């Protein structure tokens, strides 16, 4: 719909490629999108990945009971 609105309709092959490139997995693994090119002096990559697929209730695995009560 957006392509049609902009007067630039896209073919099915192009839409499929676009959908794949914009998927979470593709962006998580793309160094140009996931901040892995930023030097460790600026961003500490050992603390985890920048892009993390959130899951409802997953905070139970990351916060201690004390942190949860403070929050």
C-alpha atoms as a PDB file:
ATOM      1  CA  UNK A   1       0.000   0.000   0.000  1.00  0.00           C
ATOM      2  CA  UNK A   2       2.779   2.427   0.843  1.00  0.00           C
ATOM      3  CA  UNK A   3       4.458   1.878  -2.528  1.00  0.00           C
ATOM      4  CA  UNK A   4       1.176   2.501  -4.334  1.00  0.00           C
ATOM      5  CA  UNK A   5       0.552   5.639  -2.257  1.00  0.00           C
ATOM      6  CA  UNK A   6       4.008   6.946  -3.187  1.00  0.00           C
ATOM      7  CA  UNK A   7       3.371   6.152  -6.835  1.00  0.00           C
ATOM      8  CA  UNK A   8       6.061   3.477  -6.775  1.00  0.00           C
ATOM      9  CA  UNK A   9       4.352   0.078  -6.712  1.00  0.00           C
ATOM     10  CA  UNK A  10       6.610  -2.892  -5.967  1.00  0.00           C
ATOM     11  CA  UNK A  11       6.521  -6.351  -7.510  1.00  0.00           C
ATOM     12  CA  UNK A  12       5.991  -9.508  -5.477  1.00  0.00           C
ATOM     13  CA  UNK A  13       9.676 -10.490  -5.742  1.00  0.00           C
ATOM     14  CA  UNK A  14      10.787  -7.086  -4.459  1.00  0.00           C
ATOM     15  CA  UNK A  15       8.242  -7.182  -1.634  1.00  0.00           C
ATOM     16  CA  UNK A  16       9.453 -10.642  -0.613  1.00  0.00           C
ATOM     17  CA  UNK A  17      13.085  -9.488  -0.550  1.00  0.00           C
ATOM     18  CA  UNK A  18      12.123  -6.382   1.402  1.00  0.00           C
ATOM     19  CA  UNK A  19      10.205  -8.440   3.943  1.00  0.00           C
ATOM     20  CA  UNK A  20      13.187 -10.755   4.417  1.00  0.00           C
ATOM     21  CA  UNK A  21      15.694  -7.890   4.802  1.00  0.00           C
ATOM     22  CA  UNK A  22      13.457  -6.133   7.350  1.00  0.00           C
ATOM     23  CA  UNK A  23      12.906  -9.226   9.473  1.00  0.00           C
ATOM     24  CA  UNK A  24      14.226  -9.254  13.018  1.00  0.00           C
ATOM     25  CA  UNK A  25      16.668 -12.097  12.298  1.00  0.00           C
ATOM     26  CA  UNK A  26      18.163 -10.332   9.270  1.00  0.00           C
ATOM     27  CA  UNK A  27      18.563  -7.028  11.103  1.00  0.00           C
ATOM     28  CA  UNK A  28      19.959  -8.714  14.229  1.00  0.00           C
ATOM     29  CA  UNK A  29      22.667 -10.342  12.090  1.00  0.00           C
ATOM     30  CA  UNK A  30      23.387  -7.250   9.945  1.00  0.00           C
ATOM     31  CA  UNK A  31      26.438  -5.362  11.234  1.00  0.00           C
ATOM     32  CA  UNK A  32      25.140  -2.142   9.670  1.00  0.00           C
ATOM     33  CA  UNK A  33      21.960  -2.346  11.791  1.00  0.00           C
ATOM     34  CA  UNK A  34      22.968  -4.031  15.062  1.00  0.00           C
ATOM     35  CA  UNK A  35      25.701  -1.660  16.296  1.00  0.00           C
ATOM     36  CA  UNK A  36      28.473  -4.290  16.263  1.00  0.00           C
ATOM     37  CA  UNK A  37      30.636  -1.897  14.236  1.00  0.00           C
ATOM     38  CA  UNK A  38      30.753   0.537  17.156  1.00  0.00           C
ATOM     39  CA  UNK A  39      34.110   0.166  18.956  1.00  0.00           C
ATOM     40  CA  UNK A  40      34.052  -1.502  22.386  1.00  0.00           C
ATOM     41  CA  UNK A  41      35.394   1.717  23.936  1.00  0.00           C
ATOM     42  CA  UNK A  42      32.057   3.342  23.106  1.00  0.00           C
ATOM     43  CA  UNK A  43      29.671   0.379  23.501  1.00  0.00           C
ATOM     44  CA  UNK A  44      30.475  -2.634  25.662  1.00  0.00           C
ATOM     45  CA  UNK A  45      29.424  -5.576  23.479  1.00  0.00           C
ATOM     46  CA  UNK A  46      30.273  -8.089  26.214  1.00  0.00           C
ATOM     47  CA  UNK A  47      27.123  -7.014  28.079  1.00  0.00           C
ATOM     48  CA  UNK A  48      24.899  -8.545  25.394  1.00  0.00           C
ATOM     49  CA  UNK A  49      23.526  -7.848  21.982  1.00  0.00           C
ATOM     50  CA  UNK A  50      21.996  -4.489  21.126  1.00  0.00           C
ATOM     51  CA  UNK A  51      19.020  -6.071  19.381  1.00  0.00           C
ATOM     52  CA  UNK A  52      17.171  -8.508  21.577  1.00  0.00           C
ATOM     53  CA  UNK A  53      13.829 -10.004  20.727  1.00  0.00           C
ATOM     54  CA  UNK A  54      11.698  -9.168  23.720  1.00  0.00           C
ATOM     55  CA  UNK A  55       9.390 -11.745  25.201  1.00  0.00           C
ATOM     56  CA  UNK A  56       6.542 -10.850  27.549  1.00  0.00           C
ATOM     57  CA  UNK A  57       7.547 -11.722  31.111  1.00  0.00           C
ATOM     58  CA  UNK A  58      11.199 -12.345  30.199  1.00  0.00           C
ATOM     59  CA  UNK A  59      12.248  -9.801  32.796  1.00  0.00           C
ATOM     60  CA  UNK A  60      12.002 -12.627  35.374  1.00  0.00           C
ATOM     61  CA  UNK A  61      15.209 -14.019  33.859  1.00  0.00           C
ATOM     62  CA  UNK A  62      17.100 -10.709  34.026  1.00  0.00           C
ATOM     63  CA  UNK A  63      16.129  -9.007  37.315  1.00  0.00           C
ATOM     64  CA  UNK A  64      16.869 -10.194  40.813  1.00  0.00           C
ATOM     65  CA  UNK A  65      13.959 -10.174  43.314  1.00  0.00           C
ATOM     66  CA  UNK A  66      15.538  -7.103  44.927  1.00  0.00           C
ATOM     67  CA  UNK A  67      15.716  -5.279  41.583  1.00  0.00           C
ATOM     68  CA  UNK A  68      12.125  -6.202  40.877  1.00  0.00           C
ATOM     69  CA  UNK A  69      10.927  -4.785  44.202  1.00  0.00           C
ATOM     70  CA  UNK A  70      12.834  -1.542  43.550  1.00  0.00           C
ATOM     71  CA  UNK A  71      11.339  -1.307  40.096  1.00  0.00           C
END
